[in-house]
Amino acid sequence: MPTADDVFAEGDALTRPALELAVWRLIIDPKPRSGPANMALDQAIAEAVAAGDSPPTLRFYRWNPPAVSLGRHQHVDEVDRAVIAARGYELVRRPTGGRAILHMDELTYSVAAPVDDPRVRGGVMDAYLRLSNALVAGLHNAGLTAADKAPGAARAGRDVSAACFETPSAYEITAGGRKLMGSAQSRRAGYVLQHGSLPLTGDITRLIDVLTLSPMKAAELRRDLTARACTLAQALGVDDDAPAVAFEQVAQALVDGFRATLNLTFTPAPPSPDEIRRAGILVREQFANLAWTEVR
């Protein structure tokens, strides 16, 4: 398992001092939230962290109803809005980049910290590397010894599909060579916000049904995703209802990975009243606003 002395290793342009012990807030949402509410709360927390009103925060959450999220700059025509609506899914745009994800039967994590926090300081890849080390350690705690990071040189090609999980990018998490976790990051207004999706159970190819692809392309992508991506249950070789893939159990394993790898102490605390109010505004103005979601 990586330790706090190891996180400045591969590809990190910064010097390599040991990380001093820091206290972060921990939020494990007890109930799932809607897509707009989840994205708005991530951004509201990040803004409060940047302003110094809230401590750096690690959050774990779920989605209800299932939602298709688009990357910040992804074209909305890459998904079929009629099919999404017919299946009872929501459509939301993330404040971070990347490709489409179907959030269903998963654990989502988010990290919000000031840009000068040593755990996210530097460039995008510096922060990715440190946070990926913590995620890998957490997955090892969950029993997945095959969890690893994609090489730092890994990059998605120009012909990548609209699906996030088709191929891992630099430092994204893999299991046995297959992509397990997709993450995306935003660095603006004094904060770093990174969040990512860990499919726990279910069919990793379900997203394909809501993409605007020809039958031939859809079949090809379904084969590729089956071979190149997996859920945590598949990676562990357990049934979908096994305790090893329960949200609460996996979240705690990841917390322990962050604690050991990044030298953190966590204080459990809910979002503040100001963060909840700001999230409500962001839901109305952005994340549940159809015009904001569709025009990119």
Protein backbone atom coordinates (compact mmCIF):
# COMPACT_ATOMS: atom_id res chain seq x y z
CA MET A 1 0.00 0.00 0.00
CA PRO A 2 1.39 3.48 -0.81
CA THR A 3 2.22 5.64 2.17
CA ALA A 4 2.34 9.40 2.60
CA ASP A 5 6.03 9.28 1.64
CA ASP A 6 5.26 7.63 -1.70
CA VAL A 7 2.75 10.03 -3.21
CA PHE A 8 5.35 12.35 -4.72
CA ALA A 9 6.83 9.57 -6.80
CA GLU A 10 6.18 8.82 -10.47
CA GLY A 11 5.62 11.82 -12.70
CA ASP A 12 5.33 14.40 -9.92
CA ALA A 13 7.11 17.66 -10.72
CA LEU A 14 7.09 18.80 -7.09
CA THR A 15 9.70 18.09 -4.47
CA ARG A 16 9.06 15.12 -2.24
CA PRO A 17 8.56 16.16 1.35
CA ALA A 18 6.45 13.93 3.56
CA LEU A 19 2.89 15.16 3.78
CA GLU A 20 2.10 16.77 7.10
CA LEU A 21 -0.95 15.46 8.90
CA ALA A 22 -4.09 17.34 7.88
CA VAL A 23 -7.74 17.23 8.93
CA TRP A 24 -10.37 16.90 6.20
CA ARG A 25 -14.14 16.67 6.40
CA LEU A 26 -15.74 13.35 5.49
CA ILE A 27 -19.24 13.16 4.01
CA ILE A 28 -20.80 9.76 3.34
CA ASP A 29 -24.28 10.60 2.10
CA PRO A 30 -26.75 8.28 3.84
CA LYS A 31 -29.27 8.47 1.00
CA PRO A 32 -28.93 8.84 -2.78
CA ARG A 33 -29.57 12.24 -4.37
CA SER A 34 -30.70 13.28 -7.84
CA GLY A 35 -28.14 14.01 -10.53
CA PRO A 36 -28.56 17.80 -10.39
CA ALA A 37 -28.40 17.75 -6.59
CA ASN A 38 -25.21 15.69 -6.59
CA MET A 39 -23.42 17.90 -9.10
CA ALA A 40 -24.61 21.10 -7.43
CA LEU A 41 -23.49 19.93 -4.00
CA ASP A 42 -20.03 18.98 -5.30
CA GLN A 43 -19.61 22.46 -6.77
CA ALA A 44 -21.06 24.24 -3.72
CA ILE A 45 -18.65 22.39 -1.44
CA ALA A 46 -15.71 23.24 -3.72
CA GLU A 47 -16.64 26.93 -3.71
CA ALA A 48 -16.93 26.95 0.09
CA VAL A 49 -13.57 25.20 0.41
CA ALA A 50 -11.92 27.76 -1.87
CA ALA A 51 -13.40 30.61 0.17
CA GLY A 52 -12.06 29.12 3.40
CA ASP A 53 -15.56 28.60 4.75
CA SER A 54 -15.30 24.79 4.72
CA PRO A 55 -12.40 22.36 5.18
CA PRO A 56 -11.10 20.18 2.35
CA THR A 57 -13.70 17.48 1.84
CA LEU A 58 -13.89 13.86 0.76
CA ARG A 59 -17.46 12.87 -0.15
CA PHE A 60 -19.06 9.55 -1.14
CA TYR A 61 -22.53 9.40 -2.66
CA ARG A 62 -25.10 7.59 -4.80
CA TRP A 63 -27.71 8.56 -7.38
CA ASN A 64 -31.50 8.21 -7.48
CA PRO A 65 -32.93 8.08 -10.06
CA PRO A 66 -30.12 6.80 -12.29
CA ALA A 67 -28.56 9.61 -14.30
CA VAL A 68 -26.52 10.05 -17.44
CA SER A 69 -23.88 12.69 -16.88
CA LEU A 70 -22.09 14.49 -19.70
CA GLY A 71 -18.61 15.93 -19.48
CA ARG A 72 -18.53 19.71 -19.20
CA HIS A 73 -17.73 20.22 -22.89
CA GLN A 74 -19.33 17.08 -24.36
CA HIS A 75 -21.96 17.63 -27.07
CA VAL A 76 -25.44 16.68 -25.90
CA ASP A 77 -26.26 15.09 -29.27
CA GLU A 78 -23.96 12.20 -28.35
CA VAL A 79 -26.77 10.85 -26.15
CA ASP A 80 -30.38 10.04 -27.04
CA ARG A 81 -32.51 12.23 -24.79
CA ALA A 82 -35.74 10.42 -25.69
CA VAL A 83 -34.33 7.05 -24.64
CA ILE A 84 -32.94 8.55 -21.45
CA ALA A 85 -36.37 9.94 -20.56
CA ALA A 86 -38.16 6.70 -21.49
CA ARG A 87 -35.95 4.74 -19.11
CA GLY A 88 -36.58 7.14 -16.26
CA TYR A 89 -33.02 8.39 -16.16
CA GLU A 90 -31.97 11.98 -15.59
CA LEU A 91 -29.60 13.92 -17.83
CA VAL A 92 -27.09 16.21 -16.15
CA ARG A 93 -23.87 17.95 -17.11
CA ARG A 94 -20.88 17.63 -14.83
CA PRO A 95 -18.75 20.65 -13.88
CA THR A 96 -15.74 18.52 -14.88
CA GLY A 97 -14.58 17.12 -18.20
CA GLY A 98 -14.66 13.65 -19.69
CA ARG A 99 -17.25 11.57 -21.49
CA ALA A 100 -20.72 10.22 -20.69
CA ILE A 101 -21.35 7.99 -17.66
CA LEU A 102 -24.50 6.16 -16.57
CA HIS A 103 -24.58 6.51 -12.78
CA MET A 104 -26.33 3.39 -11.58
CA ASP A 105 -25.36 0.77 -8.99
CA GLU A 106 -22.19 2.68 -8.20
CA LEU A 107 -20.20 4.58 -5.61
CA THR A 108 -19.15 8.10 -6.55
CA TYR A 109 -16.40 9.94 -4.72
CA SER A 110 -15.48 13.61 -4.82
CA VAL A 111 -12.51 15.54 -3.46
CA ALA A 112 -12.70 19.31 -2.99
CA ALA A 113 -9.58 21.14 -1.80
CA PRO A 114 -7.91 24.56 -2.18
CA VAL A 115 -5.50 24.74 -5.10
CA ASP A 116 -2.56 25.19 -2.72
CA ASP A 117 -3.29 22.06 -0.68
CA PRO A 118 -0.20 19.85 -1.11
CA ARG A 119 -2.39 16.86 -1.97
CA VAL A 120 -3.72 18.57 -5.13
CA ARG A 121 -1.10 21.25 -5.75
CA GLY A 122 0.72 21.43 -9.08
CA GLY A 123 -0.77 20.34 -12.39
CA VAL A 124 -3.76 18.15 -13.16
CA MET A 125 -1.63 15.02 -13.45
CA ASP A 126 0.15 15.71 -10.15
CA ALA A 127 -3.18 15.70 -8.32
CA TYR A 128 -4.46 12.72 -10.31
CA LEU A 129 -1.42 10.70 -9.29
CA ARG A 130 -1.73 11.41 -5.58
CA LEU A 131 -5.48 10.80 -5.46
CA SER A 132 -5.15 7.65 -7.59
CA ASN A 133 -2.60 6.27 -5.12
CA ALA A 134 -5.17 6.77 -2.37
CA LEU A 135 -7.92 5.11 -4.40
CA VAL A 136 -5.71 2.12 -5.24
CA ALA A 137 -4.84 1.71 -1.55
CA GLY A 138 -8.53 1.84 -0.68
CA LEU A 139 -9.40 -0.82 -3.24
CA HIS A 140 -6.65 -3.01 -1.84
CA ASN A 141 -8.34 -2.58 1.54
CA ALA A 142 -11.58 -3.74 -0.10
CA GLY A 143 -9.86 -6.96 -1.18
CA LEU A 144 -9.02 -6.01 -4.76
CA THR A 145 -5.28 -6.68 -4.85
CA ALA A 146 -5.35 -6.38 -8.66
CA ALA A 147 -6.23 -2.67 -8.50
CA ASP A 148 -3.61 -0.49 -10.16
CA LYS A 149 -3.14 2.82 -11.99
CA ALA A 150 -2.98 3.19 -15.76
CA PRO A 151 0.46 4.41 -16.86
CA GLY A 152 1.11 8.14 -16.76
CA ALA A 153 1.57 8.13 -20.53
CA ALA A 154 -1.89 6.69 -21.21
CA ARG A 155 -4.09 9.05 -23.21
CA ALA A 156 -7.47 8.62 -24.88
CA GLY A 157 -7.19 8.74 -28.66
CA ARG A 158 -9.05 11.07 -30.96
CA ASP A 159 -11.41 8.29 -32.01
CA VAL A 160 -12.62 7.63 -28.46
CA SER A 161 -16.37 7.09 -28.19
CA ALA A 162 -18.89 9.05 -26.13
CA ALA A 163 -18.54 6.48 -23.31
CA CYS A 164 -16.23 7.30 -20.43
CA PHE A 165 -15.31 3.71 -19.62
CA GLU A 166 -14.04 2.70 -23.06
CA THR A 167 -10.37 3.20 -22.19
CA PRO A 168 -8.40 4.41 -19.15
CA SER A 169 -6.49 7.68 -19.21
CA ALA A 170 -3.36 8.50 -17.22
CA TYR A 171 -3.50 7.24 -13.62
CA GLU A 172 -7.12 6.08 -13.84
CA ILE A 173 -7.84 2.91 -11.92
CA THR A 174 -7.74 -0.51 -13.56
CA ALA A 175 -8.22 -4.09 -12.39
CA GLY A 176 -6.51 -6.85 -14.31
CA GLY A 177 -5.96 -4.42 -17.18
CA ARG A 178 -9.62 -3.41 -17.41
CA LYS A 179 -10.84 0.07 -16.52
CA LEU A 180 -12.58 0.15 -13.15
CA MET A 181 -12.85 3.84 -12.19
CA GLY A 182 -13.21 6.95 -14.31
CA SER A 183 -12.37 10.36 -12.83
CA ALA A 184 -12.50 13.97 -13.96
CA GLN A 185 -11.14 17.18 -12.51
CA SER A 186 -11.93 20.89 -12.50
CA ARG A 187 -9.47 23.58 -11.39
CA ARG A 188 -11.03 27.02 -11.17
CA ALA A 189 -11.86 29.84 -8.75
CA GLY A 190 -9.26 28.72 -6.23
CA TYR A 191 -10.38 25.11 -5.87
CA VAL A 192 -9.65 21.67 -7.21
CA LEU A 193 -12.68 19.43 -7.62
CA GLN A 194 -12.14 15.84 -8.66
CA HIS A 195 -14.86 13.23 -8.71
CA GLY A 196 -15.08 9.75 -10.09
CA SER A 197 -17.31 6.76 -10.62
CA LEU A 198 -16.78 3.24 -9.25
CA PRO A 199 -19.36 0.81 -10.72
CA LEU A 200 -20.12 -1.67 -7.97
CA THR A 201 -22.46 -4.09 -9.75
CA GLY A 202 -24.61 -4.50 -12.85
CA ASP A 203 -24.02 -4.34 -16.58
CA ILE A 204 -21.13 -2.03 -17.48
CA THR A 205 -22.47 -1.75 -21.05
CA ARG A 206 -25.91 -0.28 -20.19
CA LEU A 207 -24.75 3.22 -21.16
CA ILE A 208 -24.53 2.15 -24.79
CA ASP A 209 -28.32 1.94 -24.97
CA VAL A 210 -28.61 5.73 -24.56
CA LEU A 211 -25.84 6.77 -26.96
CA THR A 212 -26.63 7.96 -30.48
CA LEU A 213 -24.81 5.19 -32.31
CA SER A 214 -25.61 3.05 -35.29
CA PRO A 215 -26.45 -0.58 -34.50
CA MET A 216 -23.05 -1.63 -35.86
CA LYS A 217 -21.14 0.92 -33.77
CA ALA A 218 -23.20 0.08 -30.69
CA ALA A 219 -22.43 -3.63 -31.04
CA GLU A 220 -18.73 -2.88 -31.51
CA LEU A 221 -18.61 -0.63 -28.46
CA ARG A 222 -20.50 -3.20 -26.39
CA ARG A 223 -17.84 -5.78 -27.23
CA ASP A 224 -15.07 -3.31 -26.40
CA LEU A 225 -16.56 -2.29 -23.05
CA THR A 226 -17.14 -5.90 -22.05
CA ALA A 227 -13.48 -6.64 -22.70
CA ARG A 228 -11.95 -3.38 -21.44
CA ALA A 229 -14.05 -2.35 -18.42
CA CYS A 230 -15.55 -4.03 -15.36
CA THR A 231 -17.51 -3.52 -12.17
CA LEU A 232 -16.03 -4.05 -8.73
CA ALA A 233 -18.08 -7.24 -8.35
CA GLN A 234 -16.61 -8.60 -11.59
CA ALA A 235 -13.09 -7.62 -10.57
CA LEU A 236 -13.51 -9.37 -7.20
CA GLY A 237 -15.27 -12.37 -8.72
CA VAL A 238 -18.27 -12.07 -6.39
CA ASP A 239 -22.04 -11.88 -6.84
CA ASP A 240 -23.70 -8.49 -7.17
CA ASP A 241 -25.31 -8.87 -3.74
CA ALA A 242 -22.06 -9.78 -1.95
CA PRO A 243 -21.17 -7.70 1.14
CA ALA A 244 -17.79 -6.88 -0.44
CA VAL A 245 -19.49 -4.54 -2.92
CA ALA A 246 -21.89 -2.84 -0.51
CA PHE A 247 -21.69 0.96 -0.74
CA GLU A 248 -20.94 1.52 2.95
CA GLN A 249 -18.24 -1.14 3.11
CA VAL A 250 -16.44 0.07 -0.01
CA ALA A 251 -16.67 3.70 1.10
CA GLN A 252 -14.98 2.86 4.41
CA ALA A 253 -12.22 0.95 2.63
CA LEU A 254 -11.56 3.98 0.44
CA VAL A 255 -11.57 6.31 3.46
CA ASP A 256 -8.85 4.15 5.02
CA GLY A 257 -6.86 4.34 1.78
CA PHE A 258 -7.02 8.14 1.74
CA ARG A 259 -6.15 8.30 5.44
CA ALA A 260 -3.01 6.16 5.15
CA THR A 261 -1.78 7.34 1.76
CA LEU A 262 -2.33 11.08 2.16
CA ASN A 263 -1.72 11.31 5.93
CA LEU A 264 -5.22 12.53 6.75
CA THR A 265 -7.50 12.57 9.74
CA PHE A 266 -11.20 12.75 8.90
CA THR A 267 -13.96 14.55 10.76
CA PRO A 268 -17.41 13.31 9.70
CA ALA A 269 -19.75 16.27 9.17
CA PRO A 270 -22.70 17.02 6.86
CA PRO A 271 -22.76 19.81 4.28
CA SER A 272 -23.18 23.20 5.93
CA PRO A 273 -26.42 25.19 5.66
CA ASP A 274 -24.64 27.67 3.37
CA GLU A 275 -23.48 24.85 1.10
CA ILE A 276 -27.01 23.46 0.94
CA ARG A 277 -28.39 26.89 0.05
CA ARG A 278 -25.75 27.44 -2.63
CA ALA A 279 -26.42 23.97 -4.05
CA GLY A 280 -30.11 24.84 -4.34
CA ILE A 281 -29.24 27.90 -6.41
CA LEU A 282 -26.91 25.87 -8.62
CA VAL A 283 -29.61 23.26 -9.19
CA ARG A 284 -32.05 25.90 -10.42
CA GLU A 285 -29.60 27.95 -12.47
CA GLN A 286 -27.40 25.21 -13.90
CA PHE A 287 -27.70 21.53 -13.19
CA ALA A 288 -31.48 21.13 -13.54
CA ASN A 289 -31.68 23.89 -16.16
CA LEU A 290 -32.30 22.24 -19.53
CA ALA A 291 -30.86 25.15 -21.49
CA TRP A 292 -27.63 25.07 -19.47
CA THR A 293 -27.37 21.29 -19.87
CA GLU A 294 -27.99 21.24 -23.61
CA VAL A 295 -26.00 24.27 -24.81
CA ARG A 296 -22.30 23.39 -24.95
